[in-house]
Every structure is written in C-alpha cells, then in structure tokens.
Amino acid sequence: MTGFKYKDLESIMSKNGIVRLENGTSNISFERLAELLKFMGYTLSDFMYLSGESRVDEVYGEKFHIIRYQQGYRDDFFFQLV
C-alpha cells in the first residue's frame, strides 16, 4: 500500500508492540491480532490459512511478521511522516 505509515497503525498498536510480537517476546489478544489483520485486509481465518498452522499460539508473532512482509508492509511502515 503506497503511503502507508506507522501513524496509520498507531491507534491499534505501537511500533514497539509489533516488534515484540513479531520477535516472540510478547503476545496479544486474539481481538488485537484481529484488529491488526483487519487493518491489512485480512481475517483471523485468513491468518490461520496463510500461516499454515492449525492453531495460533506463542509463535503467531513470527507468522504475522512473515505475512506482513509477504504483503509488502515493510519496516518503513513504522516511519512517521514528518
């Protein structure tokens, strides 16, 4: 998505929160995960299918990171517009 920046996402979760989630040092509720996925145009069902897992557990941050990158949401999506 062109022009997508962190400020568009900050109402759902902070950059540090996403980094901790993706590194596996923190977990979030399914509701928050659903909000993040919805922001990128996905559902929890899509996430389960795309991650190849039969359940979402302590590694879903890693799966979220993979899906985020596959969909073109690179690290520059954390940069705020100045």
Protein backbone atom coordinates (compact mmCIF):
# COMPACT_ATOMS: atom_id res chain seq x y z
CA MET A 1 0.00 0.00 0.00
CA THR A 2 1.64 3.23 -1.11
CA GLY A 3 1.89 5.95 1.51
CA PHE A 4 1.14 3.59 4.38
CA LYS A 5 2.91 4.83 7.51
CA TYR A 6 3.08 3.90 11.16
CA LYS A 7 0.81 6.78 12.12
CA ASP A 8 -1.97 4.93 10.29
CA LEU A 9 -1.49 1.93 12.56
CA GLU A 10 -0.64 3.55 15.89
CA SER A 11 -4.25 3.62 17.09
CA ILE A 12 -4.20 -0.21 17.09
CA MET A 13 -0.67 -0.97 18.30
CA SER A 14 2.65 0.78 18.76
CA LYS A 15 5.78 0.02 16.75
CA ASN A 16 7.42 -1.46 19.85
CA GLY A 17 4.38 -3.64 20.47
CA ILE A 18 4.54 -5.07 16.95
CA VAL A 19 8.30 -5.61 17.18
CA ARG A 20 7.87 -7.51 20.47
CA LEU A 21 5.00 -9.53 18.98
CA GLU A 22 6.99 -10.44 15.88
CA ASN A 23 10.09 -11.31 17.94
CA GLY A 24 8.08 -13.62 20.18
CA THR A 25 8.80 -11.64 23.34
CA SER A 26 5.18 -10.63 23.82
CA ASN A 27 1.72 -11.88 22.95
CA ILE A 28 -1.50 -10.05 22.25
CA SER A 29 -5.13 -10.98 22.48
CA PHE A 30 -6.91 -12.52 19.53
CA GLU A 31 -9.02 -9.38 19.41
CA ARG A 32 -5.93 -7.17 18.94
CA LEU A 33 -4.50 -9.59 16.38
CA ALA A 34 -7.82 -9.44 14.53
CA GLU A 35 -7.64 -5.62 14.53
CA LEU A 36 -4.10 -5.66 13.09
CA LEU A 37 -5.09 -8.15 10.43
CA LYS A 38 -8.26 -6.25 9.55
CA PHE A 39 -6.14 -3.13 9.07
CA MET A 40 -4.17 -5.04 6.40
CA GLY A 41 -7.32 -6.52 4.85
CA TYR A 42 -7.26 -9.97 6.47
CA THR A 43 -9.28 -12.01 8.94
CA LEU A 44 -8.14 -14.47 11.60
CA SER A 45 -9.24 -17.25 9.24
CA ASP A 46 -7.01 -15.83 6.51
CA PHE A 47 -4.15 -15.65 9.01
CA MET A 48 -4.61 -19.28 10.03
CA TYR A 49 -4.66 -20.36 6.40
CA LEU A 50 -1.69 -18.23 5.33
CA SER A 51 0.41 -19.19 8.34
CA GLY A 52 -0.11 -22.90 7.66
CA GLU A 53 -0.89 -23.60 11.30
CA SER A 54 -3.85 -25.44 12.72
CA ARG A 55 -3.76 -23.19 15.78
CA VAL A 56 -2.42 -19.80 16.78
CA ASP A 57 -0.14 -19.90 19.80
CA GLU A 58 3.03 -18.27 21.13
CA VAL A 59 4.59 -18.15 17.65
CA TYR A 60 1.89 -16.13 15.94
CA GLY A 61 4.04 -13.00 16.10
CA GLU A 62 6.54 -14.68 13.80
CA LYS A 63 3.75 -15.72 11.44
CA PHE A 64 2.33 -12.17 11.48
CA HIS A 65 5.78 -10.83 10.57
CA ILE A 66 6.07 -13.23 7.62
CA ILE A 67 2.61 -12.35 6.31
CA ARG A 68 3.24 -8.62 6.78
CA TYR A 69 6.41 -8.87 4.67
CA GLN A 70 4.79 -11.07 2.05
CA GLN A 71 2.10 -8.43 1.58
CA GLY A 72 4.62 -5.62 1.13
CA TYR A 73 4.28 -3.98 4.54
CA ARG A 74 8.00 -3.47 5.06
CA ASP A 75 9.73 -1.90 8.05
CA ASP A 76 9.29 1.59 6.58
CA PHE A 77 5.64 1.29 7.53
CA PHE A 78 6.87 2.20 11.03
CA PHE A 79 8.26 5.58 9.94
CA GLN A 80 6.13 8.51 10.90
CA LEU A 81 5.56 11.27 8.42
CA VAL A 82 7.40 14.40 9.46
